Amino acid sequence: MDWKQRYADRLKTPGEAAKLVRSGDRAWMGMFTSNPDTFCRSLFARNGEVEAVNIHHYVSPFVWATPDSARSFHLTTCFTTPADRQQIAAGMGDYLPLGNFRQSWIKDAVGPFDVACVKTSPPDENGYLSMGTAVWANRTALDVARTIICEVDERLIRTYGENYIHMSEVAALLEHNQSHDTAMPVPPRTDEVIAATE
């Protein structure tokens, strides 16, 4: 049986899943390959509808902090990237220099979270979803989250260790839309910047 049929009671549209985030919530978003692109777009579409949602991520290609979204979303990032470096410099988000993946540090210094959303593989026959190549801090973030949302990407591989979550822990599933894949912006090469200023 197809996983969508098996877990139809948990399957939500991106818009329905985004409504699980409420004003004032602290929300964790997966990093790099686990960034839930479709969910991020749907949540950001609620700009003006929600207030003071704190978005926390380690590394994300998605741009949360803009002058127009400041009332709805506040960004906290542990690694600034070309996607959010200018926003942090402009004071539209917070830089938390916590480049550490020790479980206790994440729980004590970063969590807990009201909502956590990560990208996963489809559930297997036993109801386990794998977080693929994202073997960083996601499992710990999920451990300290009240509501867990998984964005299912059929392309994700299954990895071993504790890099998985069971359906019994998940409040909602949504399907990843590949057209929403977000590429990390590429900064200009240093030599090009120097040449442009001479």
N, C-alpha and C. Protein backbone atom coordinates (compact mmCIF):
# COMPACT_ATOMS: atom_id res chain seq x y z
N MET A 1 0.84 -1.19 0.00
CA MET A 1 0.00 0.00 0.00
C MET A 1 0.88 1.25 0.00
N ASP A 2 0.49 2.24 -0.76
CA ASP A 2 1.22 3.50 -0.86
C ASP A 2 1.22 4.21 0.50
N TRP A 3 2.35 4.87 0.83
CA TRP A 3 2.44 5.54 2.13
C TRP A 3 1.39 6.63 2.28
N LYS A 4 0.98 7.24 1.18
CA LYS A 4 -0.02 8.30 1.25
C LYS A 4 -1.37 7.74 1.68
N GLN A 5 -1.64 6.50 1.28
CA GLN A 5 -2.88 5.86 1.72
C GLN A 5 -2.77 5.39 3.16
N ARG A 6 -1.61 4.85 3.52
CA ARG A 6 -1.42 4.34 4.88
C ARG A 6 -1.50 5.45 5.91
N TYR A 7 -1.02 6.63 5.54
CA TYR A 7 -0.96 7.73 6.50
C TYR A 7 -1.79 8.92 6.06
N ALA A 8 -2.92 8.63 5.45
CA ALA A 8 -3.79 9.70 4.95
C ALA A 8 -4.26 10.61 6.08
N ASP A 9 -4.36 10.07 7.29
CA ASP A 9 -4.83 10.89 8.41
C ASP A 9 -3.78 11.92 8.84
N ARG A 10 -2.52 11.71 8.46
CA ARG A 10 -1.46 12.66 8.80
C ARG A 10 -1.09 13.55 7.61
N LEU A 11 -1.52 13.21 6.43
CA LEU A 11 -1.12 13.94 5.23
C LEU A 11 -1.89 15.25 5.11
N LYS A 12 -1.14 16.35 5.03
CA LYS A 12 -1.75 17.68 4.96
C LYS A 12 -1.26 18.40 3.70
N THR A 13 -2.01 19.37 3.26
CA THR A 13 -1.51 20.26 2.22
C THR A 13 -0.45 21.16 2.87
N PRO A 14 0.44 21.75 2.08
CA PRO A 14 1.41 22.68 2.68
C PRO A 14 0.75 23.79 3.49
N GLY A 15 -0.36 24.30 2.99
CA GLY A 15 -1.06 25.36 3.71
C GLY A 15 -1.62 24.89 5.04
N GLU A 16 -2.17 23.67 5.06
CA GLU A 16 -2.70 23.12 6.31
C GLU A 16 -1.58 22.89 7.33
N ALA A 17 -0.44 22.38 6.84
CA ALA A 17 0.69 22.14 7.73
C ALA A 17 1.21 23.46 8.30
N ALA A 18 1.27 24.49 7.48
CA ALA A 18 1.78 25.79 7.93
C ALA A 18 0.89 26.39 9.02
N LYS A 19 -0.37 26.04 9.03
CA LYS A 19 -1.29 26.58 10.03
C LYS A 19 -1.06 25.98 11.41
N LEU A 20 -0.21 24.97 11.50
CA LEU A 20 0.14 24.41 12.81
C LEU A 20 1.08 25.34 13.57
N VAL A 21 1.65 26.31 12.87
CA VAL A 21 2.50 27.32 13.49
C VAL A 21 1.63 28.49 13.91
N ARG A 22 1.77 28.90 15.17
CA ARG A 22 0.95 29.97 15.71
C ARG A 22 1.82 31.18 16.07
N SER A 23 1.19 32.31 16.20
CA SER A 23 1.92 33.51 16.60
C SER A 23 2.67 33.26 17.90
N GLY A 24 3.91 33.74 17.96
CA GLY A 24 4.72 33.57 19.15
C GLY A 24 5.48 32.26 19.24
N ASP A 25 5.27 31.37 18.30
CA ASP A 25 5.93 30.06 18.33
C ASP A 25 7.42 30.18 18.03
N ARG A 26 8.19 29.23 18.55
CA ARG A 26 9.60 29.05 18.18
C ARG A 26 9.63 27.85 17.25
N ALA A 27 10.14 28.03 16.04
CA ALA A 27 10.09 26.98 15.02
C ALA A 27 11.49 26.64 14.52
N TRP A 28 11.82 25.37 14.51
CA TRP A 28 13.09 24.86 13.97
C TRP A 28 12.87 24.41 12.53
N MET A 29 13.77 24.80 11.64
CA MET A 29 13.75 24.34 10.26
C MET A 29 15.03 23.57 9.98
N GLY A 30 14.90 22.44 9.31
CA GLY A 30 16.06 21.63 8.97
C GLY A 30 17.06 22.41 8.12
N MET A 31 18.30 21.97 8.17
CA MET A 31 19.35 22.70 7.45
C MET A 31 19.81 21.95 6.21
N PHE A 32 20.38 22.70 5.26
CA PHE A 32 20.91 22.15 4.02
C PHE A 32 19.91 21.21 3.35
N THR A 33 20.29 19.92 3.20
CA THR A 33 19.43 18.98 2.47
C THR A 33 18.14 18.66 3.20
N SER A 34 18.04 19.04 4.47
CA SER A 34 16.80 18.77 5.20
C SER A 34 15.92 20.01 5.30
N ASN A 35 16.31 21.10 4.62
CA ASN A 35 15.48 22.30 4.64
C ASN A 35 14.14 22.01 3.97
N PRO A 36 13.03 22.21 4.67
CA PRO A 36 11.71 21.90 4.09
C PRO A 36 11.22 23.04 3.20
N ASP A 37 11.69 23.06 1.96
CA ASP A 37 11.45 24.19 1.06
C ASP A 37 9.97 24.51 0.87
N THR A 38 9.17 23.47 0.66
CA THR A 38 7.75 23.69 0.40
C THR A 38 7.05 24.24 1.64
N PHE A 39 7.39 23.69 2.80
CA PHE A 39 6.80 24.17 4.04
C PHE A 39 7.21 25.62 4.30
N CYS A 40 8.49 25.93 4.07
CA CYS A 40 8.96 27.30 4.29
C CYS A 40 8.17 28.29 3.45
N ARG A 41 7.93 27.95 2.20
CA ARG A 41 7.17 28.85 1.33
C ARG A 41 5.75 29.06 1.85
N SER A 42 5.14 27.96 2.30
CA SER A 42 3.76 28.06 2.79
C SER A 42 3.68 28.84 4.09
N LEU A 43 4.66 28.63 4.96
CA LEU A 43 4.66 29.38 6.21
C LEU A 43 4.92 30.87 5.94
N PHE A 44 5.86 31.16 5.05
CA PHE A 44 6.16 32.55 4.73
C PHE A 44 4.96 33.24 4.08
N ALA A 45 4.12 32.47 3.39
CA ALA A 45 2.92 33.04 2.78
C ALA A 45 1.94 33.55 3.83
N ARG A 46 2.15 33.16 5.09
CA ARG A 46 1.29 33.64 6.18
C ARG A 46 1.81 34.95 6.76
N ASN A 47 2.77 35.55 6.09
CA ASN A 47 3.29 36.86 6.49
C ASN A 47 2.13 37.85 6.62
N GLY A 48 2.05 38.48 7.78
CA GLY A 48 0.95 39.40 8.05
C GLY A 48 -0.19 38.74 8.79
N GLU A 49 -0.25 37.41 8.74
CA GLU A 49 -1.30 36.67 9.43
C GLU A 49 -0.84 36.23 10.82
N VAL A 50 0.45 35.88 10.93
CA VAL A 50 1.02 35.50 12.23
C VAL A 50 1.98 36.60 12.69
N GLU A 51 2.28 36.60 13.98
CA GLU A 51 3.19 37.60 14.53
C GLU A 51 4.23 36.92 15.41
N ALA A 52 5.43 37.48 15.39
CA ALA A 52 6.51 37.10 16.31
C ALA A 52 6.82 35.61 16.29
N VAL A 53 6.85 35.01 15.12
CA VAL A 53 7.29 33.61 15.00
C VAL A 53 8.81 33.63 14.89
N ASN A 54 9.49 32.96 15.81
CA ASN A 54 10.95 32.92 15.80
C ASN A 54 11.39 31.70 15.00
N ILE A 55 12.00 31.96 13.86
CA ILE A 55 12.51 30.89 12.99
C ILE A 55 13.96 30.63 13.35
N HIS A 56 14.26 29.39 13.74
CA HIS A 56 15.62 29.03 14.12
C HIS A 56 16.16 27.99 13.15
N HIS A 57 17.33 28.28 12.60
CA HIS A 57 17.99 27.28 11.77
C HIS A 57 19.49 27.43 11.90
N TYR A 58 20.20 26.39 11.51
CA TYR A 58 21.66 26.45 11.51
C TYR A 58 22.14 27.02 10.18
N VAL A 59 21.72 26.41 9.09
CA VAL A 59 22.09 26.89 7.75
C VAL A 59 20.87 26.70 6.85
N SER A 60 20.42 27.77 6.23
CA SER A 60 19.25 27.66 5.37
C SER A 60 19.41 28.52 4.12
N PRO A 61 18.95 28.03 2.97
CA PRO A 61 18.96 28.86 1.77
C PRO A 61 17.74 29.76 1.67
N PHE A 62 16.80 29.62 2.60
CA PHE A 62 15.55 30.38 2.52
C PHE A 62 15.70 31.73 3.21
N VAL A 63 15.21 32.78 2.58
CA VAL A 63 15.31 34.13 3.14
C VAL A 63 14.05 34.43 3.97
N TRP A 64 14.22 34.50 5.29
CA TRP A 64 13.11 34.79 6.20
C TRP A 64 13.02 36.27 6.56
N ALA A 65 14.17 36.88 6.75
CA ALA A 65 14.20 38.24 7.29
C ALA A 65 14.16 39.28 6.18
N THR A 66 13.06 39.98 6.08
CA THR A 66 12.92 41.09 5.14
C THR A 66 12.22 42.23 5.88
N PRO A 67 12.36 43.45 5.40
CA PRO A 67 11.65 44.56 6.06
C PRO A 67 10.14 44.33 6.13
N ASP A 68 9.58 43.68 5.12
CA ASP A 68 8.14 43.46 5.09
C ASP A 68 7.67 42.32 6.00
N SER A 69 8.59 41.43 6.38
CA SER A 69 8.19 40.28 7.18
C SER A 69 8.61 40.38 8.64
N ALA A 70 9.20 41.50 9.03
CA ALA A 70 9.79 41.62 10.37
C ALA A 70 8.76 41.44 11.48
N ARG A 71 7.54 41.84 11.26
CA ARG A 71 6.52 41.69 12.31
C ARG A 71 6.08 40.24 12.46
N SER A 72 6.13 39.49 11.39
CA SER A 72 5.66 38.10 11.42
C SER A 72 6.75 37.11 11.80
N PHE A 73 7.97 37.32 11.28
CA PHE A 73 9.03 36.33 11.46
C PHE A 73 10.32 36.99 11.96
N HIS A 74 10.91 36.36 12.95
CA HIS A 74 12.21 36.81 13.42
C HIS A 74 13.19 35.66 13.26
N LEU A 75 14.31 35.91 12.62
CA LEU A 75 15.29 34.89 12.31
C LEU A 75 16.37 34.79 13.38
N THR A 76 16.68 33.55 13.78
CA THR A 76 17.85 33.28 14.60
C THR A 76 18.65 32.21 13.87
N THR A 77 19.89 32.52 13.53
CA THR A 77 20.71 31.58 12.78
C THR A 77 22.05 31.39 13.46
N CYS A 78 22.58 30.18 13.35
CA CYS A 78 23.89 29.88 13.94
C CYS A 78 25.02 30.00 12.93
N PHE A 79 24.70 30.04 11.65
CA PHE A 79 25.71 30.20 10.60
C PHE A 79 25.12 31.12 9.54
N THR A 80 25.64 32.33 9.43
CA THR A 80 25.11 33.20 8.39
C THR A 80 25.60 32.72 7.03
N THR A 81 24.76 32.89 6.03
CA THR A 81 25.04 32.43 4.68
C THR A 81 24.74 33.56 3.70
N PRO A 82 25.04 33.36 2.41
CA PRO A 82 24.66 34.39 1.44
C PRO A 82 23.16 34.67 1.41
N ALA A 83 22.35 33.73 1.95
CA ALA A 83 20.90 33.95 1.97
C ALA A 83 20.47 34.91 3.06
N ASP A 84 21.24 35.00 4.15
CA ASP A 84 20.78 35.84 5.26
C ASP A 84 21.85 36.77 5.85
N ARG A 85 23.03 36.81 5.27
CA ARG A 85 24.11 37.61 5.84
C ARG A 85 23.77 39.10 5.86
N GLN A 86 23.19 39.60 4.78
CA GLN A 86 22.84 41.03 4.73
C GLN A 86 21.75 41.37 5.73
N GLN A 87 20.80 40.43 5.92
CA GLN A 87 19.72 40.68 6.86
C GLN A 87 20.22 40.73 8.29
N ILE A 88 21.17 39.85 8.62
CA ILE A 88 21.74 39.86 9.96
C ILE A 88 22.51 41.16 10.18
N ALA A 89 23.30 41.56 9.18
CA ALA A 89 24.08 42.80 9.30
C ALA A 89 23.17 44.02 9.46
N ALA A 90 21.97 43.95 8.89
CA ALA A 90 21.03 45.06 8.97
C ALA A 90 20.17 45.01 10.23
N GLY A 91 20.42 44.01 11.09
CA GLY A 91 19.68 43.92 12.35
C GLY A 91 18.31 43.30 12.22
N MET A 92 18.05 42.59 11.12
CA MET A 92 16.74 41.97 10.93
C MET A 92 16.69 40.53 11.44
N GLY A 93 17.73 40.11 12.11
CA GLY A 93 17.77 38.77 12.67
C GLY A 93 18.90 38.69 13.68
N ASP A 94 18.98 37.58 14.38
CA ASP A 94 20.01 37.38 15.39
C ASP A 94 20.98 36.29 14.96
N TYR A 95 22.25 36.56 15.21
CA TYR A 95 23.29 35.56 14.96
C TYR A 95 23.66 34.93 16.30
N LEU A 96 23.44 33.64 16.43
CA LEU A 96 23.77 32.90 17.64
C LEU A 96 24.96 32.01 17.33
N PRO A 97 26.16 32.40 17.73
CA PRO A 97 27.37 31.64 17.34
C PRO A 97 27.50 30.33 18.11
N LEU A 98 26.64 29.40 17.78
CA LEU A 98 26.66 28.10 18.44
C LEU A 98 26.99 27.04 17.41
N GLY A 99 28.26 26.97 17.03
CA GLY A 99 28.67 25.98 16.03
C GLY A 99 28.99 24.66 16.68
N ASN A 100 28.04 24.14 17.42
CA ASN A 100 28.28 22.91 18.17
C ASN A 100 27.06 22.01 18.04
N PHE A 101 27.28 20.75 17.81
CA PHE A 101 26.17 19.83 17.63
C PHE A 101 26.00 18.88 18.81
N ARG A 102 26.66 19.17 19.92
CA ARG A 102 26.51 18.32 21.10
C ARG A 102 25.05 18.35 21.54
N GLN A 103 24.49 17.19 21.79
CA GLN A 103 23.06 17.09 22.09
C GLN A 103 22.65 17.97 23.27
N SER A 104 23.42 17.93 24.35
CA SER A 104 23.04 18.69 25.53
C SER A 104 23.08 20.19 25.27
N TRP A 105 24.01 20.65 24.45
CA TRP A 105 24.10 22.08 24.16
C TRP A 105 22.90 22.55 23.36
N ILE A 106 22.48 21.74 22.40
CA ILE A 106 21.34 22.13 21.58
C ILE A 106 20.08 22.20 22.43
N LYS A 107 19.90 21.22 23.30
CA LYS A 107 18.71 21.21 24.14
C LYS A 107 18.69 22.38 25.10
N ASP A 108 19.83 22.69 25.70
CA ASP A 108 19.89 23.73 26.73
C ASP A 108 19.99 25.14 26.15
N ALA A 109 20.73 25.30 25.07
CA ALA A 109 21.01 26.64 24.56
C ALA A 109 20.08 27.07 23.43
N VAL A 110 19.50 26.12 22.71
CA VAL A 110 18.69 26.46 21.54
C VAL A 110 17.22 26.13 21.74
N GLY A 111 16.93 24.92 22.22
CA GLY A 111 15.54 24.49 22.40
C GLY A 111 14.93 25.08 23.66
N PRO A 112 13.67 24.73 23.97
CA PRO A 112 12.80 23.84 23.20
C PRO A 112 12.10 24.60 22.07
N PHE A 113 11.38 23.83 21.24
CA PHE A 113 10.67 24.42 20.10
C PHE A 113 9.20 24.05 20.16
N ASP A 114 8.36 24.97 19.69
CA ASP A 114 6.94 24.68 19.59
C ASP A 114 6.67 23.81 18.38
N VAL A 115 7.40 24.08 17.29
CA VAL A 115 7.24 23.34 16.04
C VAL A 115 8.62 23.06 15.45
N ALA A 116 8.79 21.88 14.90
CA ALA A 116 10.01 21.56 14.14
C ALA A 116 9.59 20.91 12.83
N CYS A 117 10.20 21.36 11.75
CA CYS A 117 9.90 20.78 10.44
C CYS A 117 11.20 20.42 9.74
N VAL A 118 11.30 19.18 9.29
CA VAL A 118 12.47 18.70 8.56
C VAL A 118 12.01 17.92 7.34
N LYS A 119 12.92 17.78 6.39
CA LYS A 119 12.64 16.98 5.21
C LYS A 119 13.03 15.53 5.49
N THR A 120 12.23 14.59 5.06
CA THR A 120 12.51 13.17 5.29
C THR A 120 12.20 12.34 4.06
N SER A 121 12.62 11.09 4.11
CA SER A 121 12.20 10.11 3.12
C SER A 121 10.75 9.72 3.41
N PRO A 122 10.09 9.02 2.50
CA PRO A 122 8.77 8.47 2.83
C PRO A 122 8.90 7.45 3.96
N PRO A 123 7.83 7.22 4.72
CA PRO A 123 7.90 6.20 5.77
C PRO A 123 8.05 4.80 5.17
N ASP A 124 8.86 3.96 5.83
CA ASP A 124 9.01 2.59 5.35
C ASP A 124 7.85 1.73 5.84
N GLU A 125 7.93 0.42 5.63
CA GLU A 125 6.83 -0.47 5.99
C GLU A 125 6.56 -0.51 7.50
N ASN A 126 7.56 -0.09 8.28
CA ASN A 126 7.39 -0.06 9.72
C ASN A 126 7.08 1.34 10.26
N GLY A 127 6.89 2.29 9.36
CA GLY A 127 6.52 3.63 9.78
C GLY A 127 7.66 4.56 10.13
N TYR A 128 8.89 4.20 9.73
CA TYR A 128 10.05 5.04 10.03
C TYR A 128 10.41 5.92 8.85
N LEU A 129 10.65 7.19 9.12
CA LEU A 129 11.10 8.14 8.11
C LEU A 129 12.56 8.45 8.38
N SER A 130 13.38 8.47 7.34
CA SER A 130 14.80 8.77 7.48
C SER A 130 15.05 10.22 7.09
N MET A 131 16.00 10.86 7.78
CA MET A 131 16.35 12.23 7.44
C MET A 131 17.46 12.30 6.41
N GLY A 132 17.72 11.20 5.73
CA GLY A 132 18.65 11.18 4.60
C GLY A 132 20.06 11.57 5.00
N THR A 133 20.67 12.43 4.19
CA THR A 133 22.05 12.85 4.44
C THR A 133 22.17 13.89 5.54
N ALA A 134 21.05 14.35 6.08
CA ALA A 134 21.07 15.38 7.12
C ALA A 134 21.28 14.71 8.48
N VAL A 135 22.53 14.42 8.79
CA VAL A 135 22.84 13.71 10.02
C VAL A 135 23.40 14.68 11.08
N TRP A 136 22.85 15.87 11.13
CA TRP A 136 23.35 16.89 12.04
C TRP A 136 22.49 16.95 13.30
N ALA A 137 21.86 18.09 13.53
CA ALA A 137 21.18 18.34 14.80
C ALA A 137 19.68 18.06 14.76
N ASN A 138 19.16 17.59 13.64
CA ASN A 138 17.71 17.45 13.52
C ASN A 138 17.08 16.55 14.58
N ARG A 139 17.69 15.40 14.82
CA ARG A 139 17.08 14.46 15.77
C ARG A 139 16.95 15.10 17.16
N THR A 140 17.96 15.84 17.57
CA THR A 140 17.91 16.50 18.87
C THR A 140 16.83 17.58 18.87
N ALA A 141 16.72 18.35 17.79
CA ALA A 141 15.69 19.38 17.71
C ALA A 141 14.30 18.76 17.79
N LEU A 142 14.12 17.62 17.14
CA LEU A 142 12.82 16.95 17.18
C LEU A 142 12.51 16.45 18.59
N ASP A 143 13.55 16.07 19.32
CA ASP A 143 13.37 15.59 20.70
C ASP A 143 12.80 16.67 21.61
N VAL A 144 13.06 17.92 21.29
CA VAL A 144 12.62 19.02 22.16
C VAL A 144 11.55 19.88 21.49
N ALA A 145 10.82 19.29 20.55
CA ALA A 145 9.75 20.01 19.84
C ALA A 145 8.38 19.47 20.26
N ARG A 146 7.45 20.37 20.46
CA ARG A 146 6.09 19.98 20.81
C ARG A 146 5.35 19.37 19.62
N THR A 147 5.51 19.98 18.45
CA THR A 147 4.82 19.53 17.24
C THR A 147 5.86 19.27 16.16
N ILE A 148 5.80 18.08 15.55
CA ILE A 148 6.76 17.69 14.52
C ILE A 148 6.06 17.54 13.18
N ILE A 149 6.61 18.21 12.17
CA ILE A 149 6.09 18.15 10.80
C ILE A 149 7.20 17.61 9.91
N CYS A 150 6.87 16.67 9.04
CA CYS A 150 7.86 16.12 8.12
C CYS A 150 7.44 16.39 6.68
N GLU A 151 8.37 16.95 5.92
CA GLU A 151 8.14 17.18 4.49
C GLU A 151 8.78 16.04 3.72
N VAL A 152 7.98 15.21 3.11
CA VAL A 152 8.45 13.98 2.48
C VAL A 152 8.97 14.25 1.08
N ASP A 153 10.24 13.92 0.88
CA ASP A 153 10.90 14.05 -0.42
C ASP A 153 11.29 12.66 -0.89
N GLU A 154 10.67 12.21 -1.96
CA GLU A 154 10.89 10.85 -2.46
C GLU A 154 12.35 10.59 -2.83
N ARG A 155 13.13 11.64 -3.04
CA ARG A 155 14.51 11.48 -3.48
C ARG A 155 15.48 11.18 -2.33
N LEU A 156 15.06 11.38 -1.10
CA LEU A 156 15.98 11.21 0.02
C LEU A 156 16.36 9.74 0.22
N ILE A 157 17.64 9.52 0.45
CA ILE A 157 18.12 8.17 0.72
C ILE A 157 17.87 7.84 2.19
N ARG A 158 17.96 6.55 2.52
CA ARG A 158 17.85 6.13 3.91
C ARG A 158 19.24 5.95 4.48
N THR A 159 19.46 6.55 5.64
CA THR A 159 20.75 6.41 6.31
C THR A 159 20.53 5.72 7.65
N TYR A 160 21.62 5.29 8.25
CA TYR A 160 21.51 4.48 9.47
C TYR A 160 21.84 5.30 10.71
N GLY A 161 22.01 4.63 11.84
CA GLY A 161 22.20 5.32 13.09
C GLY A 161 20.85 5.79 13.63
N GLU A 162 20.86 6.91 14.35
CA GLU A 162 19.62 7.43 14.95
C GLU A 162 18.99 8.52 14.08
N ASN A 163 19.27 8.48 12.81
CA ASN A 163 18.82 9.51 11.88
C ASN A 163 17.43 9.19 11.32
N TYR A 164 16.48 8.95 12.20
CA TYR A 164 15.14 8.60 11.75
C TYR A 164 14.12 9.07 12.79
N ILE A 165 12.87 9.03 12.39
CA ILE A 165 11.76 9.35 13.29
C ILE A 165 10.60 8.43 12.93
N HIS A 166 9.82 8.03 13.92
CA HIS A 166 8.69 7.14 13.68
C HIS A 166 7.41 7.96 13.50
N MET A 167 6.50 7.42 12.71
CA MET A 167 5.25 8.12 12.42
C MET A 167 4.47 8.46 13.68
N SER A 168 4.64 7.67 14.72
CA SER A 168 3.90 7.93 15.96
C SER A 168 4.30 9.27 16.59
N GLU A 169 5.45 9.81 16.20
CA GLU A 169 5.92 11.08 16.75
C GLU A 169 5.53 12.29 15.89
N VAL A 170 4.96 12.02 14.73
CA VAL A 170 4.73 13.07 13.72
C VAL A 170 3.28 13.56 13.74
N ALA A 171 3.11 14.87 13.79
CA ALA A 171 1.77 15.46 13.78
C ALA A 171 1.23 15.61 12.37
N ALA A 172 2.11 15.86 11.40
CA ALA A 172 1.66 16.09 10.03
C ALA A 172 2.74 15.75 9.03
N LEU A 173 2.30 15.27 7.87
CA LEU A 173 3.18 15.03 6.73
C LEU A 173 2.72 15.93 5.59
N LEU A 174 3.66 16.43 4.81
CA LEU A 174 3.30 17.09 3.57
C LEU A 174 4.27 16.64 2.50
N GLU A 175 3.86 16.72 1.25
CA GLU A 175 4.71 16.29 0.14
C GLU A 175 5.59 17.44 -0.33
N HIS A 176 6.87 17.13 -0.54
CA HIS A 176 7.80 18.12 -1.07
C HIS A 176 7.52 18.34 -2.55
N ASN A 177 7.53 19.59 -2.96
CA ASN A 177 7.37 19.97 -4.36
C ASN A 177 8.75 20.33 -4.90
N GLN A 178 9.27 19.53 -5.85
CA GLN A 178 10.63 19.74 -6.34
C GLN A 178 10.82 21.11 -6.99
N SER A 179 9.75 21.70 -7.48
CA SER A 179 9.87 23.03 -8.09
C SER A 179 10.19 24.09 -7.03
N HIS A 180 10.06 23.72 -5.75
CA HIS A 180 10.36 24.65 -4.65
C HIS A 180 11.79 24.52 -4.14
N ASP A 181 12.58 23.63 -4.74
CA ASP A 181 13.96 23.47 -4.30
C ASP A 181 14.66 24.82 -4.31
N THR A 182 15.30 25.15 -3.21
CA THR A 182 15.96 26.44 -3.06
C THR A 182 17.47 26.24 -3.10
N ALA A 183 18.12 26.88 -4.03
CA ALA A 183 19.58 26.79 -4.11
C ALA A 183 20.20 27.89 -3.24
N MET A 184 21.30 27.55 -2.59
CA MET A 184 22.00 28.54 -1.78
C MET A 184 22.58 29.62 -2.71
N PRO A 185 22.29 30.89 -2.45
CA PRO A 185 22.88 31.95 -3.28
C PRO A 185 24.41 31.86 -3.27
N VAL A 186 25.02 32.12 -4.40
CA VAL A 186 26.47 32.04 -4.51
C VAL A 186 27.05 33.44 -4.44
N PRO A 187 27.91 33.72 -3.44
CA PRO A 187 28.50 35.05 -3.34
C PRO A 187 29.49 35.28 -4.48
N PRO A 188 29.77 36.53 -4.84
CA PRO A 188 30.76 36.79 -5.90
C PRO A 188 32.14 36.36 -5.46
N ARG A 189 32.96 35.98 -6.43
CA ARG A 189 34.34 35.58 -6.12
C ARG A 189 35.12 36.77 -5.61
N THR A 190 36.05 36.50 -4.69
CA THR A 190 36.83 37.57 -4.08
C THR A 190 37.59 38.38 -5.12
N ASP A 191 38.15 37.70 -6.12
CA ASP A 191 38.92 38.44 -7.13
C ASP A 191 38.03 39.35 -7.96
N GLU A 192 36.76 38.94 -8.15
CA GLU A 192 35.84 39.77 -8.90
C GLU A 192 35.48 41.02 -8.10
N VAL A 193 35.30 40.85 -6.77
CA VAL A 193 34.99 41.99 -5.92
C VAL A 193 36.14 42.98 -5.91
N ILE A 194 37.37 42.47 -5.78
CA ILE A 194 38.55 43.34 -5.76
C ILE A 194 38.69 44.07 -7.09
N ALA A 195 38.50 43.36 -8.19
CA ALA A 195 38.65 43.97 -9.52
C ALA A 195 37.60 45.05 -9.72
N ALA A 196 36.40 44.84 -9.16
CA ALA A 196 35.32 45.80 -9.36
C ALA A 196 35.55 47.08 -8.56
N THR A 197 36.37 47.02 -7.52
CA THR A 197 36.61 48.19 -6.68
C THR A 197 37.86 48.96 -7.07
N GLU A 198 38.66 48.43 -7.98
CA GLU A 198 39.90 49.11 -8.39
C GLU A 198 39.65 50.07 -9.51
